[in-house]
């Protein structure tokens, strides 16, 4: 396997396909195949060409394949690329940033209280239900997932 390549080394077509694969995976939770990408997105490329690009992205560490006949899914490096390249997101307002800072001041490592505050903050800022689960004795956030429940 090659040394992981930074996102700046990807051409625009490859970046677009990576974003499409990750977007599809986030929406379905299933490994994504090249045929799915060619049908859902208008890249003007054959499934074979998309499959080759996805294979390159796997070699570069952005995607992984759970088994030979499956589609591909993002790695941590792929998710990092996706988050860093999301467009159209609004930055937090000064009030929202201040609210976040103020809410965490009273907590001194009390995990349950921090988790409760996090759930409330997510709900207030996003205007969606905020749910935070804490099951582990040592908490390391590897992934935070937002699940859309309804269209609004």
N, C-alpha and C. Protein backbone atom coordinates (compact mmCIF):
# COMPACT_ATOMS: atom_id res chain seq x y z
N UNK A 1 0.85 -1.18 0.00
CA UNK A 1 0.00 0.00 0.00
C UNK A 1 0.89 1.24 0.00
N UNK A 2 0.51 2.22 -0.80
CA UNK A 2 1.27 3.45 -0.89
C UNK A 2 1.16 4.28 0.38
N UNK A 3 2.11 5.18 0.54
CA UNK A 3 2.06 6.16 1.63
C UNK A 3 0.79 7.00 1.45
N UNK A 4 0.01 7.23 2.52
CA UNK A 4 -1.22 8.03 2.37
C UNK A 4 -0.92 9.39 1.75
N UNK A 5 -1.76 9.76 0.80
CA UNK A 5 -1.61 11.00 0.07
C UNK A 5 -2.57 12.03 0.63
N UNK A 6 -2.14 13.23 0.75
CA UNK A 6 -3.02 14.28 1.24
C UNK A 6 -4.07 14.63 0.20
N UNK A 7 -5.17 15.23 0.62
CA UNK A 7 -6.24 15.58 -0.31
C UNK A 7 -5.81 16.55 -1.39
N UNK A 8 -4.76 17.33 -1.14
CA UNK A 8 -4.29 18.27 -2.15
C UNK A 8 -3.71 17.56 -3.36
N UNK A 9 -3.37 16.27 -3.23
CA UNK A 9 -2.82 15.50 -4.35
C UNK A 9 -3.88 14.86 -5.22
N UNK A 10 -5.16 15.06 -4.92
CA UNK A 10 -6.23 14.46 -5.70
C UNK A 10 -6.73 15.46 -6.74
N UNK A 11 -6.98 14.95 -7.96
CA UNK A 11 -7.56 15.84 -8.97
C UNK A 11 -9.05 16.03 -8.69
N UNK A 12 -9.65 16.99 -9.36
CA UNK A 12 -11.04 17.37 -9.08
C UNK A 12 -12.00 16.20 -9.29
N UNK A 13 -11.80 15.42 -10.33
CA UNK A 13 -12.69 14.28 -10.60
C UNK A 13 -12.61 13.26 -9.48
N UNK A 14 -11.41 12.96 -9.02
CA UNK A 14 -11.21 11.99 -7.95
C UNK A 14 -11.81 12.51 -6.64
N UNK A 15 -11.62 13.79 -6.38
CA UNK A 15 -12.20 14.40 -5.17
C UNK A 15 -13.73 14.30 -5.22
N UNK A 16 -14.32 14.58 -6.37
CA UNK A 16 -15.78 14.53 -6.51
C UNK A 16 -16.31 13.12 -6.30
N UNK A 17 -15.61 12.14 -6.81
CA UNK A 17 -16.06 10.75 -6.62
C UNK A 17 -15.92 10.34 -5.16
N UNK A 18 -14.83 10.74 -4.52
CA UNK A 18 -14.67 10.44 -3.09
C UNK A 18 -15.81 11.08 -2.28
N UNK A 19 -16.13 12.32 -2.55
CA UNK A 19 -17.22 12.98 -1.85
C UNK A 19 -18.54 12.24 -2.09
N UNK A 20 -18.77 11.80 -3.32
CA UNK A 20 -20.01 11.09 -3.66
C UNK A 20 -20.10 9.75 -2.92
N UNK A 21 -18.98 9.03 -2.85
CA UNK A 21 -18.97 7.74 -2.16
C UNK A 21 -19.28 7.95 -0.68
N UNK A 22 -18.63 8.91 -0.06
CA UNK A 22 -18.83 9.15 1.37
C UNK A 22 -20.25 9.65 1.62
N UNK A 23 -20.74 10.54 0.79
CA UNK A 23 -22.11 11.04 0.92
C UNK A 23 -23.10 9.87 0.84
N UNK A 24 -22.93 9.00 -0.13
CA UNK A 24 -23.81 7.85 -0.28
C UNK A 24 -23.72 6.91 0.91
N UNK A 25 -22.51 6.68 1.38
CA UNK A 25 -22.34 5.79 2.54
C UNK A 25 -23.02 6.36 3.78
N UNK A 26 -22.89 7.65 3.98
CA UNK A 26 -23.52 8.29 5.14
C UNK A 26 -25.04 8.13 5.08
N UNK A 27 -25.61 8.24 3.89
CA UNK A 27 -27.06 8.15 3.75
C UNK A 27 -27.60 6.72 3.84
N UNK A 28 -26.81 5.75 3.39
CA UNK A 28 -27.33 4.38 3.37
C UNK A 28 -26.74 3.49 4.47
N UNK A 29 -25.53 3.80 4.93
CA UNK A 29 -24.87 2.94 5.90
C UNK A 29 -24.35 1.66 5.29
N UNK A 30 -24.40 1.56 3.97
CA UNK A 30 -23.95 0.36 3.26
C UNK A 30 -22.74 0.70 2.39
N UNK A 31 -21.82 -0.27 2.20
CA UNK A 31 -20.72 -0.03 1.27
C UNK A 31 -21.27 0.37 -0.11
N UNK A 32 -20.58 1.27 -0.78
CA UNK A 32 -21.06 1.88 -2.02
C UNK A 32 -20.28 1.32 -3.21
N UNK A 33 -21.02 0.88 -4.23
CA UNK A 33 -20.41 0.36 -5.44
C UNK A 33 -20.33 1.41 -6.53
N UNK A 34 -19.50 1.14 -7.52
CA UNK A 34 -19.30 2.09 -8.62
C UNK A 34 -20.58 2.28 -9.44
N UNK A 35 -21.37 1.25 -9.57
CA UNK A 35 -22.62 1.37 -10.33
C UNK A 35 -23.59 2.33 -9.64
N UNK A 36 -23.64 2.27 -8.32
CA UNK A 36 -24.48 3.19 -7.55
C UNK A 36 -24.07 4.63 -7.81
N UNK A 37 -22.76 4.87 -7.77
CA UNK A 37 -22.25 6.23 -8.00
C UNK A 37 -22.57 6.69 -9.41
N UNK A 38 -22.40 5.82 -10.41
CA UNK A 38 -22.66 6.23 -11.79
C UNK A 38 -24.14 6.53 -12.02
N UNK A 39 -25.03 5.85 -11.28
CA UNK A 39 -26.47 6.10 -11.42
C UNK A 39 -26.94 7.34 -10.65
N UNK A 40 -26.41 7.54 -9.46
CA UNK A 40 -26.88 8.63 -8.60
C UNK A 40 -26.27 9.99 -8.92
N UNK A 41 -25.08 9.99 -9.49
CA UNK A 41 -24.38 11.24 -9.76
C UNK A 41 -24.04 11.32 -11.24
N UNK A 42 -24.10 12.49 -11.78
CA UNK A 42 -23.88 12.69 -13.21
C UNK A 42 -22.42 13.07 -13.49
N UNK A 43 -21.54 12.07 -13.38
CA UNK A 43 -20.12 12.33 -13.65
C UNK A 43 -19.78 12.10 -15.13
N UNK A 44 -20.69 11.44 -15.86
CA UNK A 44 -20.41 11.13 -17.25
C UNK A 44 -19.32 10.08 -17.39
N UNK A 45 -19.21 9.21 -16.38
CA UNK A 45 -18.18 8.17 -16.38
C UNK A 45 -18.84 6.80 -16.28
N UNK A 46 -18.20 5.80 -16.85
CA UNK A 46 -18.73 4.44 -16.75
C UNK A 46 -18.47 3.89 -15.36
N UNK A 47 -19.26 2.87 -14.94
CA UNK A 47 -18.99 2.24 -13.65
C UNK A 47 -17.56 1.69 -13.57
N UNK A 48 -17.02 1.22 -14.68
CA UNK A 48 -15.65 0.68 -14.68
C UNK A 48 -14.63 1.77 -14.36
N UNK A 49 -14.81 2.95 -14.94
CA UNK A 49 -13.90 4.07 -14.66
C UNK A 49 -14.02 4.49 -13.20
N UNK A 50 -15.25 4.56 -12.72
CA UNK A 50 -15.46 4.93 -11.31
C UNK A 50 -14.86 3.88 -10.40
N UNK A 51 -15.01 2.61 -10.75
CA UNK A 51 -14.42 1.52 -9.96
C UNK A 51 -12.90 1.66 -9.87
N UNK A 52 -12.27 2.02 -10.99
CA UNK A 52 -10.81 2.21 -10.99
C UNK A 52 -10.41 3.37 -10.07
N UNK A 53 -11.16 4.45 -10.12
CA UNK A 53 -10.87 5.60 -9.25
C UNK A 53 -11.07 5.21 -7.79
N UNK A 54 -12.14 4.47 -7.52
CA UNK A 54 -12.39 4.02 -6.15
C UNK A 54 -11.27 3.10 -5.67
N UNK A 55 -10.74 2.28 -6.55
CA UNK A 55 -9.62 1.41 -6.21
C UNK A 55 -8.39 2.25 -5.86
N UNK A 56 -8.14 3.30 -6.66
CA UNK A 56 -7.02 4.21 -6.36
C UNK A 56 -7.22 4.87 -5.00
N UNK A 57 -8.45 5.29 -4.72
CA UNK A 57 -8.74 5.92 -3.42
C UNK A 57 -8.55 4.95 -2.27
N UNK A 58 -8.80 3.68 -2.53
CA UNK A 58 -8.56 2.66 -1.50
C UNK A 58 -7.05 2.53 -1.25
N UNK A 59 -6.29 2.48 -2.31
CA UNK A 59 -4.83 2.39 -2.17
C UNK A 59 -4.25 3.60 -1.44
N UNK A 60 -4.88 4.75 -1.62
CA UNK A 60 -4.42 5.99 -0.98
C UNK A 60 -4.88 6.12 0.46
N UNK A 61 -5.76 5.21 0.90
CA UNK A 61 -6.19 5.22 2.29
C UNK A 61 -7.47 5.97 2.58
N UNK A 62 -8.19 6.43 1.54
CA UNK A 62 -9.43 7.17 1.74
C UNK A 62 -10.65 6.26 1.84
N UNK A 63 -10.59 5.10 1.21
CA UNK A 63 -11.70 4.15 1.21
C UNK A 63 -11.18 2.78 1.61
N UNK A 64 -12.11 1.93 2.04
CA UNK A 64 -11.79 0.54 2.31
C UNK A 64 -12.92 -0.33 1.81
N UNK A 65 -12.60 -1.60 1.59
CA UNK A 65 -13.58 -2.54 1.08
C UNK A 65 -13.70 -3.68 2.08
N UNK A 66 -14.89 -3.86 2.68
CA UNK A 66 -15.02 -4.89 3.73
C UNK A 66 -14.74 -6.30 3.22
N UNK A 67 -15.10 -6.58 1.98
CA UNK A 67 -14.72 -7.85 1.35
C UNK A 67 -14.74 -7.65 -0.16
N UNK A 68 -14.17 -8.59 -0.88
CA UNK A 68 -13.91 -8.44 -2.31
C UNK A 68 -15.12 -8.05 -3.13
N UNK A 69 -16.27 -8.63 -2.87
CA UNK A 69 -17.43 -8.36 -3.72
C UNK A 69 -18.27 -7.18 -3.23
N UNK A 70 -17.84 -6.54 -2.16
CA UNK A 70 -18.61 -5.41 -1.61
C UNK A 70 -18.18 -4.10 -2.25
N UNK A 71 -19.00 -3.10 -2.04
CA UNK A 71 -18.62 -1.75 -2.42
C UNK A 71 -17.58 -1.23 -1.43
N UNK A 72 -17.37 0.06 -1.46
CA UNK A 72 -16.37 0.65 -0.57
C UNK A 72 -17.02 1.60 0.42
N UNK A 73 -16.29 1.81 1.50
CA UNK A 73 -16.75 2.71 2.56
C UNK A 73 -15.58 3.57 3.01
N UNK A 74 -15.87 4.72 3.60
CA UNK A 74 -14.79 5.64 3.97
C UNK A 74 -13.98 5.15 5.17
N UNK A 75 -12.71 5.52 5.16
CA UNK A 75 -11.84 5.31 6.31
C UNK A 75 -11.86 6.59 7.14
N UNK A 76 -11.14 6.61 8.24
CA UNK A 76 -11.02 7.84 9.03
C UNK A 76 -10.44 8.97 8.17
N UNK A 77 -9.46 8.64 7.34
CA UNK A 77 -8.85 9.64 6.46
C UNK A 77 -9.89 10.15 5.45
N UNK A 78 -10.74 9.26 4.96
CA UNK A 78 -11.80 9.66 4.03
C UNK A 78 -12.80 10.60 4.68
N UNK A 79 -13.22 10.25 5.92
CA UNK A 79 -14.14 11.13 6.65
C UNK A 79 -13.51 12.49 6.91
N UNK A 80 -12.23 12.52 7.25
CA UNK A 80 -11.54 13.79 7.50
C UNK A 80 -11.58 14.64 6.23
N UNK A 81 -11.32 14.02 5.08
CA UNK A 81 -11.38 14.72 3.80
C UNK A 81 -12.78 15.29 3.58
N UNK A 82 -13.79 14.48 3.82
CA UNK A 82 -15.19 14.87 3.61
C UNK A 82 -15.55 16.08 4.46
N UNK A 83 -15.25 16.01 5.73
CA UNK A 83 -15.58 17.11 6.64
C UNK A 83 -14.83 18.37 6.25
N UNK A 84 -13.55 18.24 5.91
CA UNK A 84 -12.76 19.41 5.53
C UNK A 84 -13.23 20.05 4.23
N UNK A 85 -13.97 19.29 3.40
CA UNK A 85 -14.38 19.79 2.10
C UNK A 85 -15.87 20.01 1.96
N UNK A 86 -16.61 19.97 3.06
CA UNK A 86 -18.04 20.27 2.99
C UNK A 86 -18.21 21.73 2.63
N UNK A 87 -19.13 21.97 1.75
CA UNK A 87 -19.42 23.35 1.34
C UNK A 87 -20.84 23.70 1.75
N UNK A 88 -21.07 24.96 1.93
CA UNK A 88 -22.42 25.41 2.24
C UNK A 88 -22.78 25.33 3.71
N UNK A 89 -21.82 25.07 4.55
CA UNK A 89 -22.10 25.05 5.98
C UNK A 89 -21.93 26.45 6.54
N UNK A 90 -22.83 26.81 7.41
CA UNK A 90 -22.73 28.11 8.04
C UNK A 90 -21.80 28.02 9.25
N UNK A 91 -20.99 29.03 9.42
CA UNK A 91 -20.14 29.08 10.61
C UNK A 91 -21.02 29.43 11.81
N UNK A 92 -20.56 29.02 12.97
CA UNK A 92 -21.30 29.37 14.18
C UNK A 92 -21.29 30.87 14.37
N UNK A 93 -22.39 31.39 14.85
CA UNK A 93 -22.46 32.82 15.14
C UNK A 93 -21.66 33.08 16.42
N UNK A 94 -21.38 34.34 16.69
CA UNK A 94 -20.66 34.71 17.91
C UNK A 94 -21.46 34.28 19.14
N UNK A 95 -22.80 34.41 19.06
CA UNK A 95 -23.64 34.00 20.19
C UNK A 95 -23.55 32.50 20.43
N UNK A 96 -23.58 31.71 19.34
CA UNK A 96 -23.51 30.25 19.47
C UNK A 96 -22.16 29.83 20.05
N UNK A 97 -21.09 30.45 19.58
CA UNK A 97 -19.76 30.14 20.11
C UNK A 97 -19.67 30.48 21.60
N UNK A 98 -20.22 31.63 21.97
CA UNK A 98 -20.21 32.04 23.38
C UNK A 98 -21.04 31.09 24.22
N UNK A 99 -22.19 30.66 23.68
CA UNK A 99 -23.06 29.72 24.39
C UNK A 99 -22.32 28.41 24.67
N UNK A 100 -21.63 27.92 23.68
CA UNK A 100 -20.87 26.68 23.85
C UNK A 100 -19.80 26.85 24.92
N UNK A 101 -19.06 27.93 24.83
CA UNK A 101 -18.00 28.18 25.81
C UNK A 101 -18.55 28.29 27.22
N UNK A 102 -19.65 29.01 27.37
CA UNK A 102 -20.25 29.20 28.69
C UNK A 102 -20.80 27.91 29.28
N UNK A 103 -21.38 27.08 28.44
CA UNK A 103 -22.01 25.86 28.93
C UNK A 103 -21.00 24.86 29.50
N UNK A 104 -19.77 24.87 29.01
CA UNK A 104 -18.80 23.89 29.46
C UNK A 104 -17.94 24.36 30.62
N UNK A 105 -18.04 25.63 30.99
CA UNK A 105 -17.24 26.16 32.09
C UNK A 105 -17.49 25.44 33.42
N UNK A 106 -18.75 25.17 33.81
CA UNK A 106 -18.97 24.59 35.14
C UNK A 106 -18.56 23.11 35.27
N UNK A 107 -18.26 22.44 34.20
CA UNK A 107 -17.98 21.00 34.27
C UNK A 107 -16.48 20.77 34.39
N UNK A 108 -16.12 19.97 35.34
CA UNK A 108 -14.70 19.68 35.57
C UNK A 108 -14.46 18.19 35.40
N UNK A 109 -14.75 17.69 34.22
CA UNK A 109 -14.50 16.29 33.93
C UNK A 109 -15.60 15.34 34.34
N UNK A 110 -16.75 15.85 34.79
CA UNK A 110 -17.87 14.97 35.12
C UNK A 110 -18.52 14.55 33.82
N UNK A 111 -18.22 13.35 33.38
CA UNK A 111 -18.62 12.88 32.06
C UNK A 111 -20.14 12.93 31.86
N UNK A 112 -20.90 12.47 32.82
CA UNK A 112 -22.36 12.46 32.65
C UNK A 112 -22.92 13.86 32.44
N UNK A 113 -22.41 14.82 33.19
CA UNK A 113 -22.89 16.20 33.05
C UNK A 113 -22.45 16.79 31.71
N UNK A 114 -21.24 16.50 31.29
CA UNK A 114 -20.76 17.00 30.00
C UNK A 114 -21.59 16.40 28.87
N UNK A 115 -21.92 15.11 28.96
CA UNK A 115 -22.71 14.46 27.93
C UNK A 115 -24.12 15.06 27.87
N UNK A 116 -24.72 15.32 29.02
CA UNK A 116 -26.05 15.93 29.06
C UNK A 116 -26.00 17.33 28.45
N UNK A 117 -25.00 18.10 28.81
CA UNK A 117 -24.86 19.45 28.25
C UNK A 117 -24.64 19.40 26.74
N UNK A 118 -23.87 18.43 26.28
CA UNK A 118 -23.60 18.29 24.85
C UNK A 118 -24.88 17.99 24.09
N UNK A 119 -25.70 17.10 24.63
CA UNK A 119 -26.97 16.76 23.99
C UNK A 119 -27.87 17.99 23.88
N UNK A 120 -27.95 18.75 24.95
CA UNK A 120 -28.79 19.96 24.94
C UNK A 120 -28.26 20.99 23.94
N UNK A 121 -26.93 21.16 23.93
CA UNK A 121 -26.34 22.12 23.00
C UNK A 121 -26.59 21.72 21.55
N UNK A 122 -26.38 20.45 21.24
CA UNK A 122 -26.64 19.98 19.88
C UNK A 122 -28.07 20.29 19.47
N UNK A 123 -28.98 20.05 20.38
CA UNK A 123 -30.39 20.27 20.10
C UNK A 123 -30.69 21.76 19.90
N UNK A 124 -30.16 22.60 20.77
CA UNK A 124 -30.43 24.04 20.68
C UNK A 124 -29.83 24.66 19.42
N UNK A 125 -28.59 24.32 19.13
CA UNK A 125 -27.90 24.95 18.01
C UNK A 125 -28.40 24.43 16.67
N UNK A 126 -28.64 23.12 16.58
CA UNK A 126 -29.06 22.54 15.30
C UNK A 126 -30.57 22.59 15.11
N UNK A 127 -31.30 22.81 16.20
CA UNK A 127 -32.76 22.78 16.20
C UNK A 127 -33.29 21.39 15.84
N UNK A 128 -32.51 20.37 16.16
CA UNK A 128 -32.89 18.97 16.02
C UNK A 128 -32.76 18.32 17.39
N UNK A 129 -33.31 17.13 17.51
CA UNK A 129 -33.14 16.39 18.76
C UNK A 129 -31.66 16.07 18.93
N UNK A 130 -31.16 16.24 20.12
CA UNK A 130 -29.77 15.91 20.42
C UNK A 130 -29.73 14.70 21.32
N UNK A 131 -29.07 13.66 20.89
CA UNK A 131 -28.97 12.44 21.68
C UNK A 131 -27.49 12.08 21.80
N UNK A 132 -27.03 11.89 23.01
CA UNK A 132 -25.65 11.50 23.24
C UNK A 132 -25.67 10.27 24.12
N UNK A 133 -24.99 9.23 23.68
CA UNK A 133 -24.92 7.99 24.45
C UNK A 133 -23.54 7.84 25.04
N UNK A 134 -23.47 7.43 26.28
CA UNK A 134 -22.20 7.19 26.95
C UNK A 134 -22.26 5.81 27.57
N UNK A 135 -21.44 4.92 27.05
CA UNK A 135 -21.49 3.54 27.51
C UNK A 135 -20.13 3.09 28.06
N UNK A 136 -19.08 3.77 27.69
CA UNK A 136 -17.73 3.31 27.98
C UNK A 136 -17.17 3.92 29.26
N UNK A 137 -16.25 3.21 29.87
CA UNK A 137 -15.60 3.75 31.07
C UNK A 137 -14.54 4.78 30.68
N UNK A 138 -13.95 4.62 29.51
CA UNK A 138 -13.02 5.61 28.97
C UNK A 138 -13.62 6.09 27.66
N UNK A 139 -13.85 7.37 27.54
CA UNK A 139 -14.53 7.89 26.37
C UNK A 139 -13.55 8.56 25.43
N UNK A 140 -13.48 8.04 24.22
CA UNK A 140 -12.71 8.65 23.14
C UNK A 140 -13.66 8.75 21.96
N UNK A 141 -13.95 9.97 21.52
CA UNK A 141 -14.86 10.13 20.40
C UNK A 141 -14.11 9.87 19.11
N UNK A 142 -14.46 8.79 18.45
CA UNK A 142 -13.89 8.48 17.16
C UNK A 142 -14.81 8.98 16.06
N UNK A 143 -16.11 8.99 16.37
CA UNK A 143 -17.08 9.40 15.37
C UNK A 143 -18.31 9.97 16.06
N UNK A 144 -18.82 11.03 15.52
CA UNK A 144 -20.09 11.60 15.97
C UNK A 144 -21.00 11.55 14.75
N UNK A 145 -22.17 10.97 14.92
CA UNK A 145 -23.07 10.78 13.78
C UNK A 145 -24.36 11.55 14.01
N UNK A 146 -24.78 12.30 13.00
CA UNK A 146 -26.06 12.98 13.02
C UNK A 146 -27.01 12.19 12.14
N UNK A 147 -28.15 11.83 12.68
CA UNK A 147 -29.13 11.02 11.95
C UNK A 147 -30.36 11.87 11.72
N UNK A 148 -30.71 12.05 10.45
CA UNK A 148 -31.89 12.83 10.10
C UNK A 148 -33.12 11.95 10.32
N UNK A 149 -34.03 12.43 11.14
CA UNK A 149 -35.21 11.65 11.46
C UNK A 149 -36.37 12.01 10.54
N UNK A 150 -36.55 13.29 10.28
CA UNK A 150 -37.59 13.75 9.37
C UNK A 150 -37.01 14.78 8.44
N UNK A 151 -37.75 15.12 7.41
CA UNK A 151 -37.25 16.09 6.44
C UNK A 151 -37.01 17.47 7.04
N UNK A 152 -37.70 17.83 8.11
CA UNK A 152 -37.51 19.13 8.73
C UNK A 152 -36.70 19.00 9.98
